[in-house]
Protein backbone atom coordinates (compact mmCIF):
# COMPACT_ATOMS: atom_id res chain seq x y z
CA MET A 1 75.97 82.09 73.86
CA ASN A 2 77.56 78.76 72.93
CA ASN A 3 78.87 76.30 75.50
CA ARG A 4 82.50 77.25 74.98
CA ALA A 5 81.81 80.95 75.54
CA LEU A 6 79.69 80.15 78.61
CA ARG A 7 82.47 78.00 80.06
CA ALA A 8 84.97 80.77 79.37
CA ASP A 9 82.82 83.35 81.16
CA ILE A 10 82.51 81.02 84.18
CA LEU A 11 86.28 80.52 84.29
CA LEU A 12 86.84 84.29 84.10
CA PHE A 13 84.32 84.78 86.91
CA VAL A 14 86.33 82.33 89.05
CA THR A 15 89.53 84.13 88.09
CA ALA A 16 88.10 87.50 89.14
CA ALA A 17 87.01 85.96 92.48
CA ILE A 18 90.48 84.53 93.11
CA TRP A 19 92.15 87.86 92.32
CA GLY A 20 89.63 89.80 94.38
CA PHE A 21 90.11 87.68 97.48
CA ALA A 22 93.88 87.96 96.99
CA PHE A 23 93.61 91.52 98.37
CA VAL A 24 92.51 89.93 101.66
CA ALA A 25 95.55 87.66 101.62
CA GLN A 26 97.79 90.63 100.85
CA ARG A 27 96.35 92.60 103.77
CA VAL A 28 96.64 89.68 106.24
CA GLY A 29 100.19 88.90 105.12
CA MET A 30 101.30 92.39 106.17
CA ASP A 31 100.67 91.46 109.80
CA HIS A 32 103.75 89.20 109.67
CA VAL A 33 106.18 90.25 106.91
CA GLY A 34 107.12 93.33 104.94
CA PRO A 35 105.58 94.11 101.54
CA LEU A 36 108.76 93.34 99.56
CA THR A 37 109.28 90.03 101.31
CA PHE A 38 105.66 89.06 100.71
CA ASN A 39 105.85 89.94 97.00
CA GLY A 40 109.23 88.35 96.49
CA ILE A 41 108.14 84.95 97.78
CA ARG A 42 104.67 84.95 96.21
CA PHE A 43 105.85 85.92 92.74
CA ALA A 44 108.64 83.32 92.93
CA LEU A 45 106.04 80.69 93.82
CA GLY A 46 103.73 81.93 91.07
CA GLY A 47 106.46 81.82 88.44
CA LEU A 48 107.50 78.33 89.46
CA ALA A 49 103.87 77.19 89.44
CA LEU A 50 103.56 78.13 85.75
CA ILE A 51 106.54 76.06 84.64
CA PRO A 52 104.55 72.79 84.29
CA LEU A 53 102.00 74.63 82.13
CA ALA A 54 104.75 76.07 79.96
CA LEU A 55 106.30 72.62 79.49
CA ARG A 56 102.93 71.13 78.55
CA LEU A 57 102.18 73.87 76.03
CA GLU A 58 105.69 73.59 74.59
CA LYS A 59 105.26 69.85 74.14
CA ASN A 60 101.98 70.30 72.26
CA ARG A 61 103.09 73.08 69.95
CA ALA A 62 103.99 72.44 66.31
CA ALA A 63 107.30 74.31 66.28
CA THR A 64 109.66 75.91 68.76
CA TYR A 65 110.32 79.63 68.90
CA THR A 66 113.32 81.15 67.16
CA PRO A 67 116.34 82.68 68.98
CA ALA A 68 114.89 86.09 68.18
CA GLY A 69 111.69 85.03 69.95
CA ALA A 70 113.71 83.83 72.92
CA ARG A 71 115.37 87.25 73.19
CA ARG A 72 112.00 88.93 73.03
CA ILE A 73 110.69 86.70 75.81
CA GLY A 74 113.81 87.26 77.94
CA LEU A 75 114.25 90.98 77.53
CA GLY A 76 110.52 91.67 77.36
CA GLY A 77 109.90 89.59 80.48
CA ILE A 78 112.58 91.48 82.42
CA ALA A 79 111.11 94.84 81.34
CA LEU A 80 107.65 93.69 82.41
CA GLY A 81 109.10 92.37 85.66
CA VAL A 82 110.55 95.79 86.51
CA VAL A 83 107.19 97.53 85.94
CA LEU A 84 105.43 94.75 87.85
CA PHE A 85 107.88 95.24 90.72
CA PHE A 86 106.98 98.91 91.13
CA GLY A 87 103.24 98.32 90.71
CA ALA A 88 103.09 95.38 93.12
CA SER A 89 105.39 97.03 95.66
CA LEU A 90 103.36 100.23 95.82
CA GLN A 91 100.10 98.31 96.01
CA GLN A 92 101.43 96.05 98.76
CA ALA A 93 102.87 99.00 100.67
CA GLY A 94 99.46 100.66 100.53
CA LEU A 95 97.97 97.63 102.30
CA ALA A 96 100.76 97.40 104.91
CA GLY A 97 98.80 98.51 107.96
CA PRO A 98 101.37 97.73 110.75
CA GLN A 99 104.25 99.21 108.76
CA LEU A 100 102.43 102.44 107.90
CA ALA A 101 101.06 102.76 111.45
CA VAL A 102 104.63 103.16 112.72
CA PHE A 103 104.74 106.49 110.86
CA GLY A 104 101.20 107.47 111.91
CA LEU A 105 99.81 106.78 108.43
CA ASP A 106 96.65 104.93 107.45
CA ALA A 107 96.70 101.91 105.12
CA SER A 108 94.17 101.17 102.43
CA THR A 109 91.59 98.46 103.02
CA ALA A 110 91.27 95.34 100.84
CA GLY A 111 88.02 96.60 99.32
CA LYS A 112 89.24 100.11 98.57
CA ALA A 113 92.52 98.82 97.14
CA GLY A 114 90.61 96.50 94.82
CA PHE A 115 88.49 99.31 93.38
CA ILE A 116 91.36 101.80 93.09
CA THR A 117 93.57 99.22 91.37
CA GLY A 118 90.72 98.50 88.94
CA LEU A 119 91.05 102.05 87.57
CA TYR A 120 93.66 100.69 85.16
CA VAL A 121 90.71 99.41 83.11
CA VAL A 122 89.84 103.05 82.38
CA LEU A 123 93.40 104.41 82.36
CA VAL A 124 94.70 102.00 79.71
CA PRO A 125 92.66 103.37 76.78
CA ILE A 126 93.22 106.96 77.92
CA CYS A 127 96.99 106.50 78.09
CA GLY A 128 96.70 104.86 74.68
CA LEU A 129 96.36 108.42 73.34
CA PHE A 130 100.15 108.66 73.55
CA LEU A 131 100.29 105.62 71.28
CA ARG A 132 97.99 107.28 68.75
CA GLU A 133 94.97 105.27 69.83
CA ARG A 134 91.57 106.93 69.93
CA PRO A 135 89.31 105.96 72.81
CA GLY A 136 85.59 106.48 72.23
CA TRP A 137 83.11 108.53 74.22
CA GLY A 138 82.38 105.59 76.52
CA THR A 139 85.95 105.65 77.82
CA TRP A 140 85.87 109.37 78.61
CA LEU A 141 82.46 109.19 80.30
CA GLY A 142 83.54 106.06 82.17
CA ALA A 143 86.71 107.83 83.33
CA VAL A 144 84.71 110.80 84.70
CA ILE A 145 82.31 108.50 86.54
CA ALA A 146 85.17 106.41 87.93
CA VAL A 147 87.04 109.51 89.17
CA VAL A 148 83.91 110.77 90.94
CA GLY A 149 83.49 107.33 92.47
CA MET A 150 87.11 107.24 93.61
CA TYR A 151 86.66 110.65 95.29
CA LEU A 152 83.65 109.39 97.24
CA LEU A 153 85.46 106.17 98.12
CA SER A 154 88.83 107.54 99.20
CA VAL A 155 88.27 111.16 100.25
CA THR A 156 86.48 111.49 103.57
CA ALA A 157 84.01 114.23 104.50
CA ASP A 158 86.85 116.26 106.10
CA LEU A 159 88.81 116.00 102.79
CA SER A 160 91.45 113.65 104.21
CA VAL A 161 92.89 110.77 102.17
CA ALA A 162 94.55 107.64 103.55
CA PHE A 163 98.21 107.49 102.57
CA GLY A 164 97.71 103.84 101.62
CA ASP A 165 95.03 104.85 99.08
CA LEU A 166 97.51 107.23 97.42
CA LEU A 167 100.11 104.45 97.14
CA VAL A 168 97.56 102.12 95.55
CA LEU A 169 96.51 104.88 93.14
CA VAL A 170 100.11 105.37 91.99
CA SER A 171 100.41 101.60 91.60
CA ALA A 172 97.44 101.72 89.23
CA LEU A 173 99.56 103.86 86.91
CA PHE A 174 102.18 101.10 86.84
CA TRP A 175 99.50 98.46 86.17
CA THR A 176 98.40 100.64 83.25
CA THR A 177 101.95 100.82 81.96
CA HIS A 178 102.25 97.07 82.36
CA VAL A 179 99.12 96.41 80.22
CA LEU A 180 100.34 98.77 77.48
CA LEU A 181 103.81 97.20 77.52
CA VAL A 182 102.30 93.71 77.22
CA GLY A 183 100.42 95.00 74.20
CA LYS A 184 103.71 95.96 72.57
CA ILE A 185 105.71 92.83 73.49
CA SER A 186 103.22 89.98 73.15
CA PRO A 187 101.71 90.30 69.64
CA GLY A 188 102.41 87.17 67.60
CA MET A 189 103.14 85.00 70.65
CA ASP A 190 101.24 81.76 71.05
CA ALA A 191 100.07 80.45 74.41
CA ALA A 192 103.38 78.72 75.14
CA ASP A 193 105.42 81.89 74.62
CA ALA A 194 102.87 83.95 76.55
CA VAL A 195 103.27 81.68 79.59
CA LYS A 196 107.07 81.82 79.28
CA LEU A 197 106.90 85.61 79.13
CA SER A 198 104.88 85.59 82.36
CA ILE A 199 107.30 83.22 84.07
CA VAL A 200 110.22 85.52 83.26
CA GLN A 201 108.39 88.63 84.46
CA PHE A 202 107.23 86.97 87.68
CA LEU A 203 110.70 85.67 88.54
CA ALA A 204 112.27 89.03 87.63
CA CYS A 205 109.80 90.78 89.94
CA ALA A 206 110.51 88.23 92.69
CA ALA A 207 114.28 88.72 92.37
CA LEU A 208 114.02 92.51 92.55
CA SER A 209 111.66 92.33 95.52
CA LEU A 210 113.93 90.03 97.51
CA VAL A 211 117.10 91.97 96.63
CA VAL A 212 115.53 95.16 97.99
CA ALA A 213 113.82 93.38 100.89
CA PHE A 214 116.93 91.97 102.59
CA PRO A 215 118.59 95.33 103.35
CA THR A 216 115.34 97.22 104.08
CA GLU A 217 113.02 94.78 105.87
CA PRO A 218 113.42 92.22 108.66
CA VAL A 219 113.35 88.86 106.88
CA ALA A 220 112.89 86.01 109.32
CA MET A 221 111.82 82.41 108.63
CA GLY A 222 109.40 82.47 111.57
CA SER A 223 107.56 85.49 110.21
CA ILE A 224 107.44 83.98 106.72
CA LEU A 225 105.91 80.78 108.14
CA ASP A 226 103.35 82.85 110.05
CA ALA A 227 102.36 84.48 106.74
CA GLY A 228 102.47 81.09 104.99
CA ILE A 229 98.78 80.81 104.06
CA PRO A 230 98.47 84.36 102.58
CA ILE A 231 101.76 83.88 100.71
CA LEU A 232 100.69 80.48 99.32
CA TYR A 233 97.34 81.93 98.25
CA GLY A 234 99.02 84.91 96.61
CA GLY A 235 101.55 82.72 94.84
CA PHE A 236 99.73 79.57 93.76
CA MET A 237 96.12 80.73 93.62
CA SER A 238 96.40 84.38 92.53
CA VAL A 239 99.34 83.98 90.18
CA GLY A 240 99.56 80.32 89.20
CA ILE A 241 96.00 79.02 89.03
CA ALA A 242 94.19 82.29 88.18
CA TYR A 243 96.61 83.17 85.38
CA THR A 244 96.22 79.67 83.89
CA LEU A 245 92.42 79.99 84.02
CA GLN A 246 92.64 83.38 82.31
CA ILE A 247 94.73 81.96 79.45
CA VAL A 248 92.31 79.05 78.92
CA ALA A 249 89.20 81.24 79.18
CA GLN A 250 90.24 84.15 76.97
CA ARG A 251 90.63 81.85 73.99
CA ASP A 252 86.83 81.52 73.81
CA ALA A 253 85.50 84.55 75.70
CA PRO A 254 84.36 87.65 73.75
CA SER A 255 86.63 90.55 74.65
CA ALA A 256 83.78 92.65 76.05
CA HIS A 257 82.71 89.77 78.30
CA ALA A 258 86.26 89.25 79.50
CA ALA A 259 86.89 92.88 80.39
CA ILE A 260 83.58 93.32 82.22
CA ILE A 261 83.84 90.05 84.15
CA MET A 262 87.44 90.77 85.15
CA SER A 263 86.38 94.14 86.57
CA LEU A 264 84.37 92.19 89.14
CA GLU A 265 87.71 91.58 90.86
CA ALA A 266 87.11 94.86 92.72
CA VAL A 267 83.68 93.66 93.93
CA PHE A 268 85.14 90.41 95.27
CA ALA A 269 87.87 92.40 97.03
CA ALA A 270 85.21 94.44 98.82
CA ILE A 271 83.20 91.34 99.71
CA GLY A 272 86.30 89.59 101.03
CA GLY A 273 87.29 92.61 103.10
CA CYS A 274 83.85 92.83 104.69
CA VAL A 275 83.40 89.11 105.37
CA MET A 276 86.94 88.09 106.35
CA LEU A 277 88.45 91.26 107.78
CA ASP A 278 85.35 92.98 109.19
CA GLU A 279 86.05 96.02 107.00
CA THR A 280 83.11 98.37 106.77
CA LEU A 281 82.18 100.77 103.99
CA THR A 282 80.11 103.87 104.63
CA VAL A 283 77.15 104.72 102.41
CA ARG A 284 79.34 107.36 100.78
CA ALA A 285 82.04 104.75 100.07
CA LEU A 286 79.50 102.23 98.74
CA ILE A 287 78.18 104.85 96.30
CA GLY A 288 81.77 105.50 95.25
CA CYS A 289 82.33 101.77 94.65
CA GLY A 290 79.20 101.59 92.56
CA LEU A 291 80.23 104.57 90.43
CA MET A 292 83.73 103.20 89.94
CA LEU A 293 82.40 99.82 88.81
CA ALA A 294 79.92 101.56 86.49
CA GLY A 295 82.74 103.61 84.99
CA MET A 296 84.89 100.50 84.42
CA VAL A 297 82.04 98.65 82.71
CA LEU A 298 81.00 101.63 80.58
CA SER A 299 84.56 102.12 79.35
CA GLN A 300 84.50 98.53 78.04
CA LEU A 301 80.96 98.48 76.65
CA LYS A 302 81.59 101.60 74.56
CA PRO A 303 85.38 101.58 74.00
């Protein structure tokens, strides 16, 4: 492995850690604000944090994009923002312990949510069948292993499932749609246009979240300030810094390395939940986590 590839793998490892620990921030933030309020502010901060990077990349590029490219960035970014809104909202709602407790429902934990969300790594190539793509045997075997792991992780011995886990599972379908949609919109874009596309989608998601939040959730400045640290982490670290690191790293990282390292996000989510939130996983759940991670890796090693 050359130095550039090694540096890229290290940056991707840091990115996976930032995204994994973001599940802790998302869980803690729900103690103070609603899921839509949390997402609206953090995606707005994340989109704004990427503007300096976009300006820098635009300054260093050889030519500007055409009006047709601008329309693709604008319309494509809005479409991605809508899908991102549903995926992020469902995921955040699944972590909203106090809000779900009002209805007598159980929320997902940071660790479980990280692993369940990571199923999109397996779902993307399978859903690609509808786009006439042909996943290999590794994807199918990885999917079976991951499903068995998810059963052990989320379904208890008395066959009960936390409502929050179901919400996070549905959100994984939207993350899958998001990845496939990016694959249709982004081909031919350079780094500058890719960052602009992300800015548009983040701001679109933020706008939708806040528009829905005001009539449905109590939005108070005091509560937002109480959730300030989780919101700042989710906005600047998870969206702004981690996304920038991903862009820089994936220029030099082999695709297999990138996919496998990024799947470690789920492991960091579990570690963060155990260390920072005192979340515990039973032996059954730990086996499920191991099987899910093995399925994710296998689906990338033998795509």
